[in-house]
Amino acid sequence: MFDAHVHAGPDVIDRIGDDSDIAQSFADSDYDGFVLKAHYESTVGRAYAAARATGLQVFGGIALNQHCGGINPAAVAATLQAGGRVIWMPTADSHTQQAAGLPRLCHGAPRLGQHSYALPPVDQSTMAAAESVLQLIADHDAVLATGHVGRDECRWLLERVEYYGIKRVLLTHPSYTVPGLTPSEIEELADRGGYVEITCYQLLHQPGCTPELLAEVADAAGERLVLSSDAGQPDSPNPPAALTLLVDVIAAQGVDRGRLGAASGEVPLRLFAP
């Protein structure tokens, strides 16, 4: 198995364990590897260290939030040249996150202000920087993850992906509160080349989320489904256990277990591996 969305400490919020703890839990569970994500730090060096320590395939990247100035091509270039495999569009500092009142760094550091980020067509002023970021992702054959941006921005990204020839696109938990896409909208974006992520975090913590909804999203994704834990919170199971739980819950809704196995193993590993 391979987990495409994992959080660990040190972080700006509490985590269930540090990089070593989390990496060892995957090694003990006989996983192939995982993707280490942080909202406010590049995880490239941390992922490299975890891979060296365990022999697993561990990949890192950067989320384009306030710590790096948002849609910042220089931050993206540095991340990718250092071996990063994924660029997340704004997550915790996306305008959608702000509108939903979900956690952000500025909540713990008010003097930072409430600045948030958006992509075209929501914010046309970011067009040039966003285009530069996409060209860099294409140049490095890296993964573009949509982060928490809204439905119109996701559509814009899929349009530009075709222009730049980007082959690796992950729709970050599109049925989560942010961006809150419907199964029909998700199917449209999957048909245009996006891989569709469902996370155990949704199952455990998303208001209104049900196993039935997740199964519907899995059906909308077709063969472009990626299951991940998005775990690391003290009130979630450890990431390997969380991903196993997600597979079992969706399988209980009648979704083919073989397809779910691929979605939590070979599909995401193929998406991220160089």
Protein backbone atom coordinates (compact mmCIF):
# COMPACT_ATOMS: atom_id res chain seq x y z
CA MET A 1 0.00 0.00 0.00
CA PHE A 2 0.99 3.63 -0.49
CA ASP A 3 -0.49 6.63 1.35
CA ALA A 4 -0.56 9.81 -0.75
CA HIS A 5 -1.44 12.24 2.06
CA VAL A 6 0.17 12.08 5.52
CA HIS A 7 0.88 14.64 8.26
CA ALA A 8 3.56 14.38 10.95
CA GLY A 9 5.38 16.55 13.44
CA PRO A 10 7.02 18.91 13.88
CA ASP A 11 4.12 21.04 12.69
CA VAL A 12 2.28 24.23 13.60
CA ILE A 13 -0.48 22.08 15.11
CA ASP A 14 -0.30 18.93 17.21
CA ARG A 15 0.40 15.65 15.40
CA ILE A 16 0.15 12.06 16.54
CA GLY A 17 3.89 11.52 16.02
CA ASP A 18 6.99 12.94 14.38
CA ASP A 19 8.46 11.95 11.02
CA SER A 20 10.34 9.01 12.53
CA ASP A 21 7.26 7.70 14.34
CA ILE A 22 5.06 7.93 11.27
CA ALA A 23 7.64 6.47 8.90
CA GLN A 24 8.22 3.54 11.24
CA SER A 25 4.48 2.88 11.45
CA PHE A 26 4.41 2.52 7.66
CA ALA A 27 7.47 0.28 7.66
CA ASP A 28 5.92 -1.91 10.37
CA SER A 29 2.71 -2.13 8.31
CA ASP A 30 4.61 -3.31 5.21
CA TYR A 31 3.71 -0.23 3.13
CA ASP A 32 5.65 0.78 0.04
CA GLY A 33 5.77 4.40 1.20
CA PHE A 34 3.88 7.65 1.63
CA VAL A 35 3.71 11.36 0.76
CA LEU A 36 4.57 13.72 3.61
CA LYS A 37 2.54 16.94 3.57
CA ALA A 38 2.70 20.11 5.64
CA HIS A 39 0.64 23.26 5.13
CA TYR A 40 3.43 25.61 6.21
CA GLU A 41 6.76 23.96 5.37
CA SER A 42 8.47 22.24 2.49
CA THR A 43 8.67 18.53 3.29
CA VAL A 44 11.35 17.65 0.74
CA GLY A 45 14.22 17.30 3.20
CA ARG A 46 12.06 15.57 5.77
CA ALA A 47 10.83 13.04 3.19
CA TYR A 48 14.40 12.36 2.06
CA ALA A 49 15.47 11.66 5.64
CA ALA A 50 12.50 9.35 6.25
CA ALA A 51 13.24 7.42 3.07
CA ARG A 52 16.91 7.00 4.02
CA ALA A 53 15.97 5.78 7.50
CA THR A 54 13.34 3.23 6.44
CA GLY A 55 14.00 2.25 2.83
CA LEU A 56 10.46 3.29 1.94
CA GLN A 57 9.53 5.54 -0.97
CA VAL A 58 8.74 8.84 0.73
CA PHE A 59 7.97 11.97 -1.28
CA GLY A 60 7.63 15.61 -0.27
CA GLY A 61 6.68 18.96 -1.72
CA ILE A 62 5.32 22.36 -0.81
CA ALA A 63 1.86 23.89 -0.30
CA LEU A 64 1.57 27.45 -1.62
CA ASN A 65 0.43 29.17 1.55
CA GLN A 66 1.49 32.32 3.40
CA HIS A 67 4.84 30.97 4.59
CA CYS A 68 6.18 31.06 1.03
CA GLY A 69 4.19 34.05 -0.23
CA GLY A 70 1.39 32.07 -1.84
CA ILE A 71 1.61 31.48 -5.60
CA ASN A 72 5.39 31.82 -5.64
CA PRO A 73 7.34 30.41 -8.62
CA ALA A 74 10.68 30.80 -6.78
CA ALA A 75 9.46 28.59 -3.91
CA VAL A 76 8.22 26.05 -6.43
CA ALA A 77 11.48 26.06 -8.40
CA ALA A 78 13.51 25.54 -5.22
CA THR A 79 11.26 22.71 -4.08
CA LEU A 80 11.36 20.87 -7.39
CA GLN A 81 15.09 21.33 -7.95
CA ALA A 82 15.69 19.85 -4.48
CA GLY A 83 13.74 16.72 -5.44
CA GLY A 84 10.18 17.62 -4.49
CA ARG A 85 7.50 15.57 -6.19
CA VAL A 86 4.31 17.54 -5.52
CA ILE A 87 3.11 21.13 -5.50
CA TRP A 88 -0.12 21.75 -3.65
CA MET A 89 -2.08 24.83 -4.66
CA PRO A 90 -3.13 26.95 -1.63
CA THR A 91 -4.55 24.83 1.16
CA ALA A 92 -4.91 26.36 4.63
CA ASP A 93 -4.55 29.87 3.20
CA SER A 94 -6.90 29.39 0.27
CA HIS A 95 -9.78 31.86 0.10
CA THR A 96 -12.15 28.89 0.45
CA GLN A 97 -10.52 27.88 3.75
CA GLN A 98 -10.89 31.44 5.02
CA ALA A 99 -14.56 31.63 3.95
CA ALA A 100 -15.32 28.31 5.68
CA GLY A 101 -13.66 29.39 8.92
CA LEU A 102 -11.33 26.39 8.90
CA PRO A 103 -7.94 26.41 10.73
CA ARG A 104 -5.18 28.68 9.44
CA LEU A 105 -1.77 29.79 10.70
CA CYS A 106 -3.02 33.32 11.28
CA HIS A 107 -5.50 32.05 13.85
CA GLY A 108 -2.56 31.33 16.15
CA ALA A 109 -0.56 34.36 15.04
CA PRO A 110 -3.07 37.21 14.53
CA ARG A 111 -0.41 39.79 13.65
CA LEU A 112 0.08 37.94 10.35
CA GLY A 113 -3.29 39.22 9.17
CA GLN A 114 -6.06 37.38 7.31
CA HIS A 115 -4.53 37.34 3.83
CA SER A 116 -5.62 34.46 1.60
CA TYR A 117 -4.90 33.31 -1.95
CA ALA A 118 -6.89 32.44 -5.04
CA LEU A 119 -6.21 31.38 -8.61
CA PRO A 120 -7.86 32.53 -11.85
CA PRO A 121 -10.67 33.09 -12.58
CA VAL A 122 -11.33 34.07 -8.93
CA ASP A 123 -8.21 36.27 -8.79
CA GLN A 124 -6.89 37.26 -12.20
CA SER A 125 -3.93 39.08 -10.62
CA THR A 126 -2.29 35.71 -9.91
CA MET A 127 -2.42 34.62 -13.56
CA ALA A 128 1.25 35.20 -14.44
CA ALA A 129 2.60 33.57 -11.27
CA ALA A 130 0.23 30.61 -11.58
CA GLU A 131 1.23 30.05 -15.21
CA SER A 132 4.92 30.07 -14.17
CA VAL A 133 4.21 27.52 -11.45
CA LEU A 134 2.43 25.24 -13.91
CA GLN A 135 5.31 25.47 -16.38
CA LEU A 136 7.74 24.48 -13.61
CA ILE A 137 5.58 21.49 -12.66
CA ALA A 138 5.52 20.41 -16.30
CA ASP A 139 9.30 20.85 -16.64
CA HIS A 140 9.92 18.54 -13.66
CA ASP A 141 7.12 16.05 -14.44
CA ALA A 142 5.88 16.64 -10.88
CA VAL A 143 2.42 16.22 -9.38
CA LEU A 144 0.03 19.15 -9.39
CA ALA A 145 -2.34 18.84 -6.41
CA THR A 146 -5.30 21.22 -6.43
CA GLY A 147 -5.22 21.94 -2.69
CA HIS A 148 -8.28 23.66 -1.24
CA VAL A 149 -9.08 26.03 -4.12
CA GLY A 150 -12.64 26.22 -5.41
CA ARG A 151 -14.48 24.52 -8.25
CA ASP A 152 -13.88 27.27 -10.84
CA GLU A 153 -10.17 27.28 -10.03
CA CYS A 154 -10.03 23.49 -10.34
CA ARG A 155 -11.60 23.74 -13.77
CA TRP A 156 -9.10 26.43 -14.77
CA LEU A 157 -6.22 24.26 -13.60
CA LEU A 158 -7.44 21.30 -15.67
CA GLU A 159 -7.64 23.55 -18.71
CA ARG A 160 -4.06 24.76 -18.23
CA VAL A 161 -2.80 21.24 -17.47
CA GLU A 162 -3.71 20.24 -21.01
CA TYR A 163 -1.89 23.28 -22.41
CA TYR A 164 1.33 22.58 -20.48
CA GLY A 165 1.22 18.81 -20.90
CA ILE A 166 1.16 18.07 -17.17
CA LYS A 167 0.54 14.34 -16.76
CA ARG A 168 0.15 14.05 -12.99
CA VAL A 169 -2.84 15.82 -11.41
CA LEU A 170 -4.41 15.02 -8.07
CA LEU A 171 -7.74 16.57 -7.09
CA THR A 172 -7.14 17.06 -3.37
CA HIS A 173 -10.12 15.56 -1.48
CA PRO A 174 -12.57 17.34 -3.85
CA SER A 175 -15.66 16.22 -1.90
CA TYR A 176 -14.31 17.65 1.38
CA THR A 177 -15.79 20.88 2.81
CA VAL A 178 -13.23 22.75 0.72
CA PRO A 179 -13.57 22.69 -2.25
CA GLY A 180 -16.95 20.91 -1.78
CA LEU A 181 -17.44 19.50 -5.27
CA THR A 182 -20.40 17.28 -6.09
CA PRO A 183 -19.94 13.77 -7.51
CA SER A 184 -21.02 14.98 -10.95
CA GLU A 185 -18.46 17.81 -10.88
CA ILE A 186 -15.82 15.36 -9.71
CA GLU A 187 -16.64 12.99 -12.57
CA GLU A 188 -16.22 15.85 -15.04
CA LEU A 189 -12.75 16.70 -13.72
CA ALA A 190 -11.72 13.03 -13.60
CA ASP A 191 -12.74 12.70 -17.24
CA ARG A 192 -10.39 15.61 -17.98
CA GLY A 193 -7.42 13.84 -16.42
CA GLY A 194 -7.55 14.46 -12.69
CA TYR A 195 -7.05 11.70 -10.14
CA VAL A 196 -9.68 11.90 -7.39
CA GLU A 197 -8.65 11.69 -3.75
CA ILE A 198 -10.84 10.43 -0.92
CA THR A 199 -9.38 10.61 2.60
CA CYS A 200 -10.04 8.92 5.90
CA TYR A 201 -10.01 12.39 7.48
CA GLN A 202 -13.25 13.06 5.62
CA LEU A 203 -14.82 9.91 7.02
CA LEU A 204 -13.80 10.75 10.58
CA HIS A 205 -14.03 14.54 10.75
CA GLN A 206 -15.97 16.09 7.85
CA PRO A 207 -19.44 17.31 8.90
CA GLY A 208 -22.13 15.55 6.89
CA CYS A 209 -19.78 13.04 5.31
CA THR A 210 -21.15 9.49 5.08
CA PRO A 211 -19.81 6.18 3.74
CA GLU A 212 -22.52 6.36 1.10
CA LEU A 213 -21.23 9.74 -0.16
CA LEU A 214 -17.66 8.47 -0.31
CA ALA A 215 -18.77 5.43 -2.29
CA GLU A 216 -20.59 7.73 -4.71
CA VAL A 217 -17.41 9.77 -5.16
CA ALA A 218 -15.43 6.56 -5.68
CA ASP A 219 -17.83 5.58 -8.45
CA ALA A 220 -17.51 9.05 -10.03
CA ALA A 221 -13.72 8.71 -10.03
CA GLY A 222 -13.74 5.43 -11.93
CA GLU A 223 -10.23 4.09 -12.38
CA ARG A 224 -8.73 7.45 -11.40
CA LEU A 225 -9.38 6.96 -7.70
CA VAL A 226 -6.78 7.59 -4.97
CA LEU A 227 -7.45 6.67 -1.35
CA SER A 228 -5.31 8.27 1.34
CA SER A 229 -5.41 8.76 5.08
CA ASP A 230 -4.83 12.53 5.49
CA ALA A 231 -4.09 11.36 9.03
CA GLY A 232 -1.62 12.48 11.66
CA GLN A 233 -4.09 14.19 13.99
CA PRO A 234 -4.05 13.07 17.65
CA ASP A 235 -7.77 12.21 17.36
CA SER A 236 -7.33 10.00 14.27
CA PRO A 237 -5.83 6.50 14.03
CA ASN A 238 -2.22 6.36 12.92
CA PRO A 239 -2.02 6.80 9.12
CA PRO A 240 -1.64 3.12 8.09
CA ALA A 241 -4.60 2.13 10.27
CA ALA A 242 -6.64 5.07 8.98
CA LEU A 243 -6.11 4.11 5.34
CA THR A 244 -7.04 0.49 6.07
CA LEU A 245 -10.20 1.71 7.80
CA LEU A 246 -11.14 3.83 4.78
CA VAL A 247 -10.76 0.89 2.40
CA ASP A 248 -12.92 -1.33 4.63
CA VAL A 249 -15.68 1.27 5.02
CA ILE A 250 -15.98 2.00 1.30
CA ALA A 251 -15.80 -1.71 0.43
CA ALA A 252 -18.73 -2.29 2.80
CA GLN A 253 -20.76 -0.01 0.49
CA GLY A 254 -20.33 -2.47 -2.36
CA VAL A 255 -17.36 -0.86 -4.12
CA ASP A 256 -15.03 -3.47 -5.58
CA ARG A 257 -12.25 -4.20 -3.08
CA GLY A 258 -9.76 -4.88 -5.86
CA ARG A 259 -10.26 -1.36 -7.22
CA LEU A 260 -9.93 0.06 -3.71
CA GLY A 261 -6.71 -1.89 -3.24
CA ALA A 262 -5.28 -0.37 -6.40
CA ALA A 263 -6.45 3.09 -5.28
CA SER A 264 -4.51 2.74 -2.03
CA GLY A 265 -1.42 1.23 -3.61
CA GLU A 266 -0.33 1.00 -7.21
CA VAL A 267 -2.35 3.97 -8.50
CA PRO A 268 -0.96 6.63 -6.13
CA LEU A 269 2.54 5.14 -6.21
CA ARG A 270 2.53 5.34 -10.00
CA LEU A 271 1.25 8.91 -9.78
CA PHE A 272 4.06 10.10 -7.49
CA ALA A 273 7.06 7.92 -8.35
CA PRO A 274 9.57 9.54 -10.74
